[in-house]
Amino acid sequence: MKKNIKIIIIILSVIILLLLGIIGVLCIRCEHLEEKLEDSININNKDKYISSSEAIEKAISSLGVDKSQIFDISSELDYKYGCTVYDVDFKYNIYEYTFYINAETGEIVKQFKEID
């Protein structure tokens, strides 16, 4: 009886390891496909998009603050909320701001503020 339990435990362990391996391969494959999608978004539609500078300007101007007081500014294209957006991040005062600016229309899709 003890021998049967050991065999069952070994079989279950092998099955679990196989499932974990399959899940790992699928995760890697999904990341690869996501990177390819990002690359195609960036290459195929670049002429349709506002510039990164315009997206940054839109985010900063929405706060109505002096641009000289903004620091650690970054912007990158991303796909969120069903559209291609510029993910604009910067710091002002004690806050870190994140804006998602629609890359085609220049509209603010979402914005967040948190204490830095």
PDB file of N, CA and C in Angstrom:
ATOM      1  N   MET A   1       0.819  -1.203   0.000  1.00  0.00           N
ATOM      2  CA  MET A   1       0.000   0.000   0.000  1.00  0.00           C
ATOM      3  C   MET A   1       0.861   1.265   0.000  1.00  0.00           C
ATOM      4  N   LYS A   2       1.934   1.283   0.836  1.00  0.00           N
ATOM      5  CA  LYS A   2       2.813   2.435   0.895  1.00  0.00           C
ATOM      6  C   LYS A   2       3.522   2.640  -0.442  1.00  0.00           C
ATOM      7  N   LYS A   3       3.823   1.534  -1.120  1.00  0.00           N
ATOM      8  CA  LYS A   3       4.500   1.607  -2.407  1.00  0.00           C
ATOM      9  C   LYS A   3       3.590   2.262  -3.445  1.00  0.00           C
ATOM     10  N   ASN A   4       2.289   1.938  -3.418  1.00  0.00           N
ATOM     11  CA  ASN A   4       1.322   2.538  -4.340  1.00  0.00           C
ATOM     12  C   ASN A   4       1.184   4.045  -4.111  1.00  0.00           C
ATOM     13  N   ILE A   5       1.190   4.452  -2.856  1.00  0.00           N
ATOM     14  CA  ILE A   5       1.086   5.879  -2.528  1.00  0.00           C
ATOM     15  C   ILE A   5       2.316   6.623  -3.040  1.00  0.00           C
ATOM     16  N   LYS A   6       3.502   6.041  -2.891  1.00  0.00           N
ATOM     17  CA  LYS A   6       4.730   6.666  -3.386  1.00  0.00           C
ATOM     18  C   LYS A   6       4.677   6.818  -4.902  1.00  0.00           C
ATOM     19  N   ILE A   7       4.174   5.802  -5.596  1.00  0.00           N
ATOM     20  CA  ILE A   7       4.075   5.856  -7.056  1.00  0.00           C
ATOM     21  C   ILE A   7       3.096   6.948  -7.479  1.00  0.00           C
ATOM     22  N   ILE A   8       1.973   7.037  -6.790  1.00  0.00           N
ATOM     23  CA  ILE A   8       0.973   8.068  -7.096  1.00  0.00           C
ATOM     24  C   ILE A   8       1.563   9.459  -6.872  1.00  0.00           C
ATOM     25  N   ILE A   9       2.300   9.643  -5.788  1.00  0.00           N
ATOM     26  CA  ILE A   9       2.924  10.940  -5.497  1.00  0.00           C
ATOM     27  C   ILE A   9       3.944  11.288  -6.571  1.00  0.00           C
ATOM     28  N   ILE A  10       4.727  10.329  -6.995  1.00  0.00           N
ATOM     29  CA  ILE A  10       5.727  10.570  -8.049  1.00  0.00           C
ATOM     30  C   ILE A  10       5.035  10.949  -9.357  1.00  0.00           C
ATOM     31  N   ILE A  11       3.992  10.231  -9.715  1.00  0.00           N
ATOM     32  CA  ILE A  11       3.253  10.517 -10.959  1.00  0.00           C
ATOM     33  C   ILE A  11       2.641  11.918 -10.902  1.00  0.00           C
ATOM     34  N   LEU A  12       2.017  12.255  -9.771  1.00  0.00           N
ATOM     35  CA  LEU A  12       1.419  13.592  -9.617  1.00  0.00           C
ATOM     36  C   LEU A  12       2.489  14.678  -9.684  1.00  0.00           C
ATOM     37  N   SER A  13       3.644  14.433  -9.088  1.00  0.00           N
ATOM     38  CA  SER A  13       4.739  15.404  -9.126  1.00  0.00           C
ATOM     39  C   SER A  13       5.213  15.643 -10.557  1.00  0.00           C
ATOM     40  N   VAL A  14       5.345  14.562 -11.324  1.00  0.00           N
ATOM     41  CA  VAL A  14       5.769  14.682 -12.721  1.00  0.00           C
ATOM     42  C   VAL A  14       4.727  15.458 -13.520  1.00  0.00           C
ATOM     43  N   ILE A  15       3.455  15.175 -13.297  1.00  0.00           N
ATOM     44  CA  ILE A  15       2.383  15.890 -14.002  1.00  0.00           C
ATOM     45  C   ILE A  15       2.424  17.377 -13.659  1.00  0.00           C
ATOM     46  N   ILE A  16       2.596  17.705 -12.397  1.00  0.00           N
ATOM     47  CA  ILE A  16       2.662  19.106 -11.972  1.00  0.00           C
ATOM     48  C   ILE A  16       3.855  19.806 -12.618  1.00  0.00           C
ATOM     49  N   LEU A  17       5.009  19.151 -12.636  1.00  0.00           N
ATOM     50  CA  LEU A  17       6.191  19.744 -13.260  1.00  0.00           C
ATOM     51  C   LEU A  17       5.973  19.969 -14.756  1.00  0.00           C
ATOM     52  N   LEU A  18       5.343  19.021 -15.423  1.00  0.00           N
ATOM     53  CA  LEU A  18       5.046  19.191 -16.845  1.00  0.00           C
ATOM     54  C   LEU A  18       4.107  20.371 -17.077  1.00  0.00           C
ATOM     55  N   LEU A  19       3.075  20.491 -16.256  1.00  0.00           N
ATOM     56  CA  LEU A  19       2.138  21.606 -16.390  1.00  0.00           C
ATOM     57  C   LEU A  19       2.833  22.940 -16.147  1.00  0.00           C
ATOM     58  N   LEU A  20       3.693  23.000 -15.138  1.00  0.00           N
ATOM     59  CA  LEU A  20       4.431  24.232 -14.877  1.00  0.00           C
ATOM     60  C   LEU A  20       5.340  24.593 -16.048  1.00  0.00           C
ATOM     61  N   GLY A  21       5.960  23.598 -16.650  1.00  0.00           N
ATOM     62  CA  GLY A  21       6.799  23.831 -17.829  1.00  0.00           C
ATOM     63  C   GLY A  21       5.995  24.371 -18.989  1.00  0.00           C
ATOM     64  N   ILE A  22       4.824  23.792 -19.219  1.00  0.00           N
ATOM     65  CA  ILE A  22       3.956  24.255 -20.308  1.00  0.00           C
ATOM     66  C   ILE A  22       3.514  25.691 -20.058  1.00  0.00           C
ATOM     67  N   ILE A  23       3.131  25.999 -18.836  1.00  0.00           N
ATOM     68  CA  ILE A  23       2.716  27.359 -18.493  1.00  0.00           C
ATOM     69  C   ILE A  23       3.872  28.336 -18.713  1.00  0.00           C
ATOM     70  N   GLY A  24       5.076  27.945 -18.320  1.00  0.00           N
ATOM     71  CA  GLY A  24       6.249  28.799 -18.515  1.00  0.00           C
ATOM     72  C   GLY A  24       6.505  29.086 -19.982  1.00  0.00           C
ATOM     73  N   VAL A  25       6.397  28.062 -20.817  1.00  0.00           N
ATOM     74  CA  VAL A  25       6.597  28.234 -22.264  1.00  0.00           C
ATOM     75  C   VAL A  25       5.526  29.164 -22.832  1.00  0.00           C
ATOM     76  N   LEU A  26       4.281  29.003 -22.401  1.00  0.00           N
ATOM     77  CA  LEU A  26       3.205  29.866 -22.883  1.00  0.00           C
ATOM     78  C   LEU A  26       3.427  31.319 -22.476  1.00  0.00           C
ATOM     79  N   CYS A  27       3.903  31.541 -21.264  1.00  0.00           N
ATOM     80  CA  CYS A  27       4.174  32.903 -20.802  1.00  0.00           C
ATOM     81  C   CYS A  27       5.266  33.558 -21.636  1.00  0.00           C
ATOM     82  N   ILE A  28       6.321  32.816 -21.918  1.00  0.00           N
ATOM     83  CA  ILE A  28       7.410  33.342 -22.737  1.00  0.00           C
ATOM     84  C   ILE A  28       6.890  33.665 -24.134  1.00  0.00           C
ATOM     85  N   ARG A  29       6.073  32.775 -24.673  1.00  0.00           N
ATOM     86  CA  ARG A  29       5.512  32.982 -26.019  1.00  0.00           C
ATOM     87  C   ARG A  29       4.628  34.220 -26.043  1.00  0.00           C
ATOM     88  N   CYS A  30       3.816  34.430 -25.005  1.00  0.00           N
ATOM     89  CA  CYS A  30       2.946  35.606 -24.941  1.00  0.00           C
ATOM     90  C   CYS A  30       3.771  36.884 -24.898  1.00  0.00           C
ATOM     91  N   GLU A  31       4.843  36.904 -24.111  1.00  0.00           N
ATOM     92  CA  GLU A  31       5.706  38.091 -24.041  1.00  0.00           C
ATOM     93  C   GLU A  31       6.305  38.384 -25.404  1.00  0.00           C
ATOM     94  N   HIS A  32       6.731  37.336 -26.117  1.00  0.00           N
ATOM     95  CA  HIS A  32       7.316  37.521 -27.440  1.00  0.00           C
ATOM     96  C   HIS A  32       6.293  38.117 -28.408  1.00  0.00           C
ATOM     97  N   LEU A  33       5.065  37.597 -28.385  1.00  0.00           N
ATOM     98  CA  LEU A  33       4.016  38.117 -29.270  1.00  0.00           C
ATOM     99  C   LEU A  33       3.673  39.558 -28.923  1.00  0.00           C
ATOM    100  N   GLU A  34       3.674  39.896 -27.638  1.00  0.00           N
ATOM    101  CA  GLU A  34       3.397  41.262 -27.208  1.00  0.00           C
ATOM    102  C   GLU A  34       4.460  42.220 -27.729  1.00  0.00           C
ATOM    103  N   GLU A  35       5.733  41.799 -27.679  1.00  0.00           N
ATOM    104  CA  GLU A  35       6.812  42.635 -28.194  1.00  0.00           C
ATOM    105  C   GLU A  35       6.672  42.835 -29.700  1.00  0.00           C
ATOM    106  N   LYS A  36       6.295  41.774 -30.432  1.00  0.00           N
ATOM    107  CA  LYS A  36       6.114  41.893 -31.875  1.00  0.00           C
ATOM    108  C   LYS A  36       4.959  42.844 -32.186  1.00  0.00           C
ATOM    109  N   LEU A  37       3.880  42.769 -31.410  1.00  0.00           N
ATOM    110  CA  LEU A  37       2.743  43.659 -31.609  1.00  0.00           C
ATOM    111  C   LEU A  37       3.160  45.099 -31.366  1.00  0.00           C
ATOM    112  N   GLU A  38       3.903  45.340 -30.292  1.00  0.00           N
ATOM    113  CA  GLU A  38       4.392  46.683 -29.989  1.00  0.00           C
ATOM    114  C   GLU A  38       5.245  47.223 -31.126  1.00  0.00           C
ATOM    115  N   ASP A  39       6.143  46.387 -31.647  1.00  0.00           N
ATOM    116  CA  ASP A  39       7.004  46.805 -32.744  1.00  0.00           C
ATOM    117  C   ASP A  39       6.185  47.163 -33.977  1.00  0.00           C
ATOM    118  N   SER A  40       5.160  46.359 -34.282  1.00  0.00           N
ATOM    119  CA  SER A  40       4.356  46.644 -35.472  1.00  0.00           C
ATOM    120  C   SER A  40       3.528  47.906 -35.276  1.00  0.00           C
ATOM    121  N   ILE A  41       3.060  48.145 -34.069  1.00  0.00           N
ATOM    122  CA  ILE A  41       2.324  49.380 -33.781  1.00  0.00           C
ATOM    123  C   ILE A  41       3.243  50.576 -34.026  1.00  0.00           C
ATOM    124  N   ASN A  42       4.452  50.509 -33.509  1.00  0.00           N
ATOM    125  CA  ASN A  42       5.392  51.617 -33.623  1.00  0.00           C
ATOM    126  C   ASN A  42       5.792  51.882 -35.067  1.00  0.00           C
ATOM    127  N   ILE A  43       5.987  50.822 -35.845  1.00  0.00           N
ATOM    128  CA  ILE A  43       6.476  50.978 -37.212  1.00  0.00           C
ATOM    129  C   ILE A  43       5.344  51.350 -38.173  1.00  0.00           C
ATOM    130  N   ASN A  44       4.230  50.648 -38.097  1.00  0.00           N
ATOM    131  CA  ASN A  44       3.178  50.787 -39.108  1.00  0.00           C
ATOM    132  C   ASN A  44       2.354  52.067 -39.005  1.00  0.00           C
ATOM    133  N   ASN A  45       2.239  52.642 -37.847  1.00  0.00           N
ATOM    134  CA  ASN A  45       1.321  53.772 -37.670  1.00  0.00           C
ATOM    135  C   ASN A  45       1.997  55.068 -37.249  1.00  0.00           C
ATOM    136  N   LYS A  46       3.294  55.125 -37.313  1.00  0.00           N
ATOM    137  CA  LYS A  46       4.004  56.283 -36.784  1.00  0.00           C
ATOM    138  C   LYS A  46       3.552  57.598 -37.411  1.00  0.00           C
ATOM    139  N   ASP A  47       3.190  57.582 -38.694  1.00  0.00           N
ATOM    140  CA  ASP A  47       2.765  58.813 -39.371  1.00  0.00           C
ATOM    141  C   ASP A  47       1.432  59.328 -38.847  1.00  0.00           C
ATOM    142  N   LYS A  48       0.641  58.472 -38.236  1.00  0.00           N
ATOM    143  CA  LYS A  48      -0.673  58.864 -37.727  1.00  0.00           C
ATOM    144  C   LYS A  48      -0.598  59.507 -36.339  1.00  0.00           C
ATOM    145  N   TYR A  49       0.522  59.355 -35.675  1.00  0.00           N
ATOM    146  CA  TYR A  49       0.612  59.747 -34.271  1.00  0.00           C
ATOM    147  C   TYR A  49       1.142  61.161 -34.077  1.00  0.00           C
ATOM    148  N   ILE A  50       0.689  61.774 -32.992  1.00  0.00           N
ATOM    149  CA  ILE A  50       1.311  63.018 -32.562  1.00  0.00           C
ATOM    150  C   ILE A  50       2.724  62.671 -32.093  1.00  0.00           C
ATOM    151  N   SER A  51       3.561  63.647 -31.931  1.00  0.00           N
ATOM    152  CA  SER A  51       4.929  63.372 -31.484  1.00  0.00           C
ATOM    153  C   SER A  51       4.963  63.171 -29.974  1.00  0.00           C
ATOM    154  N   SER A  52       6.028  62.587 -29.520  1.00  0.00           N
ATOM    155  CA  SER A  52       6.231  62.407 -28.082  1.00  0.00           C
ATOM    156  C   SER A  52       6.247  63.756 -27.378  1.00  0.00           C
ATOM    157  N   SER A  53       6.884  64.741 -28.005  1.00  0.00           N
ATOM    158  CA  SER A  53       6.943  66.100 -27.427  1.00  0.00           C
ATOM    159  C   SER A  53       5.556  66.704 -27.274  1.00  0.00           C
ATOM    160  N   GLU A  54       4.697  66.476 -28.280  1.00  0.00           N
ATOM    161  CA  GLU A  54       3.325  66.988 -28.203  1.00  0.00           C
ATOM    162  C   GLU A  54       2.557  66.319 -27.066  1.00  0.00           C
ATOM    163  N   ALA A  55       2.765  65.025 -26.881  1.00  0.00           N
ATOM    164  CA  ALA A  55       2.095  64.304 -25.794  1.00  0.00           C
ATOM    165  C   ALA A  55       2.552  64.841 -24.439  1.00  0.00           C
ATOM    166  N   ILE A  56       3.845  65.059 -24.307  1.00  0.00           N
ATOM    167  CA  ILE A  56       4.380  65.608 -23.050  1.00  0.00           C
ATOM    168  C   ILE A  56       3.798  66.994 -22.794  1.00  0.00           C
ATOM    169  N   GLU A  57       3.774  67.822 -23.824  1.00  0.00           N
ATOM    170  CA  GLU A  57       3.230  69.181 -23.694  1.00  0.00           C
ATOM    171  C   GLU A  57       1.761  69.145 -23.282  1.00  0.00           C
ATOM    172  N   LYS A  58       1.001  68.222 -23.862  1.00  0.00           N
ATOM    173  CA  LYS A  58      -0.425  68.078 -23.531  1.00  0.00           C
ATOM    174  C   LYS A  58      -0.594  67.737 -22.046  1.00  0.00           C
ATOM    175  N   ALA A  59       0.210  66.796 -21.565  1.00  0.00           N
ATOM    176  CA  ALA A  59       0.109  66.382 -20.162  1.00  0.00           C
ATOM    177  C   ALA A  59       0.464  67.531 -19.223  1.00  0.00           C
ATOM    178  N   ILE A  60       1.570  68.201 -19.495  1.00  0.00           N
ATOM    179  CA  ILE A  60       2.021  69.288 -18.616  1.00  0.00           C
ATOM    180  C   ILE A  60       1.045  70.452 -18.654  1.00  0.00           C
ATOM    181  N   SER A  61       0.582  70.818 -19.848  1.00  0.00           N
ATOM    182  CA  SER A  61      -0.328  71.964 -19.949  1.00  0.00           C
ATOM    183  C   SER A  61      -1.661  71.697 -19.256  1.00  0.00           C
ATOM    184  N   SER A  62      -2.063  70.417 -19.164  1.00  0.00           N
ATOM    185  CA  SER A  62      -3.329  70.108 -18.487  1.00  0.00           C
ATOM    186  C   SER A  62      -3.265  70.427 -16.995  1.00  0.00           C
ATOM    187  N   LEU A  63      -2.044  70.466 -16.440  1.00  0.00           N
ATOM    188  CA  LEU A  63      -1.878  70.814 -15.028  1.00  0.00           C
ATOM    189  C   LEU A  63      -1.802  72.318 -14.813  1.00  0.00           C
ATOM    190  N   GLY A  64      -1.463  73.045 -15.877  1.00  0.00           N
ATOM    191  CA  GLY A  64      -1.361  74.498 -15.765  1.00  0.00           C
ATOM    192  C   GLY A  64      -0.196  74.947 -14.902  1.00  0.00           C
ATOM    193  N   VAL A  65       0.916  74.223 -14.961  1.00  0.00           N
ATOM    194  CA  VAL A  65       2.093  74.578 -14.162  1.00  0.00           C
ATOM    195  C   VAL A  65       3.227  75.023 -15.079  1.00  0.00           C
ATOM    196  N   ASP A  66       4.213  75.660 -14.484  1.00  0.00           N
ATOM    197  CA  ASP A  66       5.383  76.117 -15.223  1.00  0.00           C
ATOM    198  C   ASP A  66       6.243  74.914 -15.607  1.00  0.00           C
ATOM    199  N   LYS A  67       6.524  74.773 -16.898  1.00  0.00           N
ATOM    200  CA  LYS A  67       7.273  73.620 -17.404  1.00  0.00           C
ATOM    201  C   LYS A  67       8.670  73.531 -16.791  1.00  0.00           C
ATOM    202  N   SER A  68       9.230  74.639 -16.383  1.00  0.00           N
ATOM    203  CA  SER A  68      10.583  74.630 -15.816  1.00  0.00           C
ATOM    204  C   SER A  68      10.640  73.924 -14.462  1.00  0.00           C
ATOM    205  N   GLN A  69       9.494  73.722 -13.838  1.00  0.00           N
ATOM    206  CA  GLN A  69       9.449  73.055 -12.537  1.00  0.00           C
ATOM    207  C   GLN A  69       9.208  71.543 -12.660  1.00  0.00           C
ATOM    208  N   ILE A  70       9.072  71.058 -13.884  1.00  0.00           N
ATOM    209  CA  ILE A  70       8.856  69.638 -14.147  1.00  0.00           C
ATOM    210  C   ILE A  70      10.208  68.962 -14.302  1.00  0.00           C
ATOM    211  N   PHE A  71      10.352  67.743 -13.768  1.00  0.00           N
ATOM    212  CA  PHE A  71      11.612  67.014 -13.930  1.00  0.00           C
ATOM    213  C   PHE A  71      11.347  65.517 -14.092  1.00  0.00           C
ATOM    214  N   ASP A  72      12.397  64.780 -14.482  1.00  0.00           N
ATOM    215  CA  ASP A  72      12.313  63.327 -14.750  1.00  0.00           C
ATOM    216  C   ASP A  72      11.195  62.994 -15.732  1.00  0.00           C
ATOM    217  N   ILE A  73      11.203  63.670 -16.870  1.00  0.00           N
ATOM    218  CA  ILE A  73      10.170  63.467 -17.886  1.00  0.00           C
ATOM    219  C   ILE A  73      10.537  62.276 -18.765  1.00  0.00           C
ATOM    220  N   SER A  74       9.561  61.399 -19.009  1.00  0.00           N
ATOM    221  CA  SER A  74       9.760  60.300 -19.955  1.00  0.00           C
ATOM    222  C   SER A  74       8.462  60.054 -20.710  1.00  0.00           C
ATOM    223  N   SER A  75       8.610  59.486 -21.903  1.00  0.00           N
ATOM    224  CA  SER A  75       7.447  59.199 -22.727  1.00  0.00           C
ATOM    225  C   SER A  75       7.764  58.001 -23.618  1.00  0.00           C
ATOM    226  N   GLU A  76       6.821  57.065 -23.719  1.00  0.00           N
ATOM    227  CA  GLU A  76       6.996  55.932 -24.629  1.00  0.00           C
ATOM    228  C   GLU A  76       5.641  55.474 -25.144  1.00  0.00           C
ATOM    229  N   LEU A  77       5.650  54.935 -26.354  1.00  0.00           N
ATOM    230  CA  LEU A  77       4.425  54.410 -26.939  1.00  0.00           C
ATOM    231  C   LEU A  77       4.055  53.094 -26.269  1.00  0.00           C
ATOM    232  N   ASP A  78       2.757  52.908 -26.073  1.00  0.00           N
ATOM    233  CA  ASP A  78       2.258  51.695 -25.451  1.00  0.00           C
ATOM    234  C   ASP A  78       0.854  51.437 -25.990  1.00  0.00           C
ATOM    235  N   TYR A  79       0.318  50.289 -25.697  1.00  0.00           N
ATOM    236  CA  TYR A  79      -1.057  49.977 -26.085  1.00  0.00           C
ATOM    237  C   TYR A  79      -1.838  49.680 -24.814  1.00  0.00           C
ATOM    238  N   LYS A  80      -2.736  50.592 -24.458  1.00  0.00           N
ATOM    239  CA  LYS A  80      -3.565  50.434 -23.259  1.00  0.00           C
ATOM    240  C   LYS A  80      -4.925  51.051 -23.513  1.00  0.00           C
ATOM    241  N   TYR A  81      -5.897  50.570 -22.781  1.00  0.00           N
ATOM    242  CA  TYR A  81      -7.247  51.117 -22.829  1.00  0.00           C
ATOM    243  C   TYR A  81      -7.821  51.081 -24.252  1.00  0.00           C
ATOM    244  N   GLY A  82      -7.409  50.077 -25.040  1.00  0.00           N
ATOM    245  CA  GLY A  82      -7.969  49.889 -26.369  1.00  0.00           C
ATOM    246  C   GLY A  82      -7.414  50.792 -27.453  1.00  0.00           C
ATOM    247  N   CYS A  83      -6.320  51.479 -27.177  1.00  0.00           N
ATOM    248  CA  CYS A  83      -5.724  52.344 -28.207  1.00  0.00           C
ATOM    249  C   CYS A  83      -4.229  52.510 -27.946  1.00  0.00           C
ATOM    250  N   THR A  84      -3.540  53.024 -28.941  1.00  0.00           N
ATOM    251  CA  THR A  84      -2.118  53.314 -28.784  1.00  0.00           C
ATOM    252  C   THR A  84      -1.993  54.635 -28.041  1.00  0.00           C
ATOM    253  N   VAL A  85      -1.212  54.624 -26.988  1.00  0.00           N
ATOM    254  CA  VAL A  85      -1.061  55.806 -26.148  1.00  0.00           C
ATOM    255  C   VAL A  85       0.418  56.113 -25.919  1.00  0.00           C
ATOM    256  N   TYR A  86       0.664  57.369 -25.596  1.00  0.00           N
ATOM    257  CA  TYR A  86       1.956  57.725 -25.043  1.00  0.00           C
ATOM    258  C   TYR A  86       1.821  57.625 -23.528  1.00  0.00           C
ATOM    259  N   ASP A  87       2.699  56.864 -22.924  1.00  0.00           N
ATOM    260  CA  ASP A  87       2.773  56.765 -21.464  1.00  0.00           C
ATOM    261  C   ASP A  87       3.752  57.851 -21.035  1.00  0.00           C
ATOM    262  N   VAL A  88       3.221  58.957 -20.536  1.00  0.00           N
ATOM    263  CA  VAL A  88       4.027  60.116 -20.154  1.00  0.00           C
ATOM    264  C   VAL A  88       4.148  60.148 -18.640  1.00  0.00           C
ATOM    265  N   ASP A  89       5.378  60.174 -18.154  1.00  0.00           N
ATOM    266  CA  ASP A  89       5.637  60.229 -16.713  1.00  0.00           C
ATOM    267  C   ASP A  89       6.538  61.431 -16.416  1.00  0.00           C
ATOM    268  N   PHE A  90       6.252  62.099 -15.306  1.00  0.00           N
ATOM    269  CA  PHE A  90       7.133  63.180 -14.855  1.00  0.00           C
ATOM    270  C   PHE A  90       6.857  63.484 -13.393  1.00  0.00           C
ATOM    271  N   LYS A  91       7.742  64.269 -12.822  1.00  0.00           N
ATOM    272  CA  LYS A  91       7.596  64.671 -11.423  1.00  0.00           C
ATOM    273  C   LYS A  91       7.431  66.175 -11.341  1.00  0.00           C
ATOM    274  N   TYR A  92       6.567  66.575 -10.420  1.00  0.00           N
ATOM    275  CA  TYR A  92       6.330  67.992 -10.140  1.00  0.00           C
ATOM    276  C   TYR A  92       6.015  68.109  -8.660  1.00  0.00           C
ATOM    277  N   ASN A  93       6.737  68.979  -8.002  1.00  0.00           N
ATOM    278  CA  ASN A  93       6.575  69.151  -6.558  1.00  0.00           C
ATOM    279  C   ASN A  93       6.886  67.821  -5.866  1.00  0.00           C
ATOM    280  N   ILE A  94       5.962  67.335  -5.057  1.00  0.00           N
ATOM    281  CA  ILE A  94       6.188  66.067  -4.355  1.00  0.00           C
ATOM    282  C   ILE A  94       5.467  64.905  -5.043  1.00  0.00           C
ATOM    283  N   TYR A  95       4.928  65.158  -6.221  1.00  0.00           N
ATOM    284  CA  TYR A  95       4.112  64.151  -6.900  1.00  0.00           C
ATOM    285  C   TYR A  95       4.787  63.584  -8.146  1.00  0.00           C
ATOM    286  N   GLU A  96       4.453  62.339  -8.442  1.00  0.00           N
ATOM    287  CA  GLU A  96       4.812  61.731  -9.713  1.00  0.00           C
ATOM    288  C   GLU A  96       3.521  61.557 -10.503  1.00  0.00           C
ATOM    289  N   TYR A  97       3.512  62.062 -11.710  1.00  0.00           N
ATOM    290  CA  TYR A  97       2.328  62.019 -12.562  1.00  0.00           C
ATOM    291  C   TYR A  97       2.523  60.998 -13.679  1.00  0.00           C
ATOM    292  N   THR A  98       1.451  60.314 -14.026  1.00  0.00           N
ATOM    293  CA  THR A  98       1.424  59.435 -15.193  1.00  0.00           C
ATOM    294  C   THR A  98       0.208  59.818 -16.016  1.00  0.00           C
ATOM    295  N   PHE A  99       0.450  60.068 -17.286  1.00  0.00           N
ATOM    296  CA  PHE A  99      -0.623  60.381 -18.226  1.00  0.00           C
ATOM    297  C   PHE A  99      -0.584  59.366 -19.357  1.00  0.00           C
ATOM    298  N   TYR A 100      -1.754  58.949 -19.796  1.00  0.00           N
ATOM    299  CA  TYR A 100      -1.873  58.145 -21.009  1.00  0.00           C
ATOM    300  C   TYR A 100      -2.561  59.028 -22.041  1.00  0.00           C
ATOM    301  N   ILE A 101      -1.796  59.410 -23.062  1.00  0.00           N
ATOM    302  CA  ILE A 101      -2.274  60.319 -24.098  1.00  0.00           C
ATOM    303  C   ILE A 101      -2.517  59.517 -25.374  1.00  0.00           C
ATOM    304  N   ASN A 102      -3.736  59.597 -25.919  1.00  0.00           N
ATOM    305  CA  ASN A 102      -4.050  58.902 -27.161  1.00  0.00           C
ATOM    306  C   ASN A 102      -3.083  59.388 -28.245  1.00  0.00           C
ATOM    307  N   ALA A 103      -2.354  58.464 -28.840  1.00  0.00           N
ATOM    308  CA  ALA A 103      -1.303  58.820 -29.792  1.00  0.00           C
ATOM    309  C   ALA A 103      -1.864  59.367 -31.109  1.00  0.00           C
ATOM    310  N   GLU A 104      -3.107  59.062 -31.426  1.00  0.00           N
ATOM    311  CA  GLU A 104      -3.693  59.555 -32.673  1.00  0.00           C
ATOM    312  C   GLU A 104      -4.406  60.883 -32.485  1.00  0.00           C
ATOM    313  N   THR A 105      -5.131  61.039 -31.372  1.00  0.00           N
ATOM    314  CA  THR A 105      -5.962  62.235 -31.182  1.00  0.00           C
ATOM    315  C   THR A 105      -5.348  63.268 -30.249  1.00  0.00           C
ATOM    316  N   GLY A 106      -4.409  62.851 -29.409  1.00  0.00           N
ATOM    317  CA  GLY A 106      -3.825  63.771 -28.440  1.00  0.00           C
ATOM    318  C   GLY A 106      -4.675  63.954 -27.186  1.00  0.00           C
ATOM    319  N   GLU A 107      -5.767  63.221 -27.082  1.00  0.00           N
ATOM    320  CA  GLU A 107      -6.634  63.334 -25.903  1.00  0.00           C
ATOM    321  C   GLU A 107      -6.039  62.573 -24.725  1.00  0.00           C
ATOM    322  N   ILE A 108      -6.294  63.082 -23.524  1.00  0.00           N
ATOM    323  CA  ILE A 108      -5.858  62.396 -22.308  1.00  0.00           C
ATOM    324  C   ILE A 108      -6.837  61.250 -22.049  1.00  0.00           C
ATOM    325  N   VAL A 109      -6.305  60.033 -22.042  1.00  0.00           N
ATOM    326  CA  VAL A 109      -7.136  58.845 -21.817  1.00  0.00           C
ATOM    327  C   VAL A 109      -7.294  58.600 -20.318  1.00  0.00           C
ATOM    328  N   LYS A 110      -6.188  58.660 -19.586  1.00  0.00           N
ATOM    329  CA  LYS A 110      -6.198  58.477 -18.123  1.00  0.00           C
ATOM    330  C   LYS A 110      -5.038  59.275 -17.554  1.00  0.00           C
ATOM    331  N   GLN A 111      -5.167  59.621 -16.286  1.00  0.00           N
ATOM    332  CA  GLN A 111      -4.048  60.247 -15.588  1.00  0.00           C
ATOM    333  C   GLN A 111      -4.065  59.843 -14.132  1.00  0.00           C
ATOM    334  N   PHE A 112      -2.862  59.736 -13.571  1.00  0.00           N
ATOM    335  CA  PHE A 112      -2.696  59.323 -12.182  1.00  0.00           C
ATOM    336  C   PHE A 112      -1.701  60.248 -11.509  1.00  0.00           C
ATOM    337  N   LYS A 113      -1.860  60.395 -10.214  1.00  0.00           N
ATOM    338  CA  LYS A 113      -0.940  61.195  -9.425  1.00  0.00           C
ATOM    339  C   LYS A 113      -0.688  60.463  -8.110  1.00  0.00           C
ATOM    340  N   GLU A 114       0.576  60.353  -7.758  1.00  0.00           N
ATOM    341  CA  GLU A 114       0.896  59.735  -6.469  1.00  0.00           C
ATOM    342  C   GLU A 114       2.070  60.475  -5.838  1.00  0.00           C
ATOM    343  N   ILE A 115       2.150  60.410  -4.536  1.00  0.00           N
ATOM    344  CA  ILE A 115       3.253  61.047  -3.831  1.00  0.00           C
ATOM    345  C   ILE A 115       4.514  60.271  -4.124  1.00  0.00           C
ATOM    346  N   ASP A 116       5.549  61.016  -4.525  1.00  0.00           N
ATOM    347  CA  ASP A 116       6.824  60.380  -4.898  1.00  0.00           C
ATOM    348  C   ASP A 116       7.619  60.015  -3.679  1.00  0.00           C
TER     349      ASP A 116
END
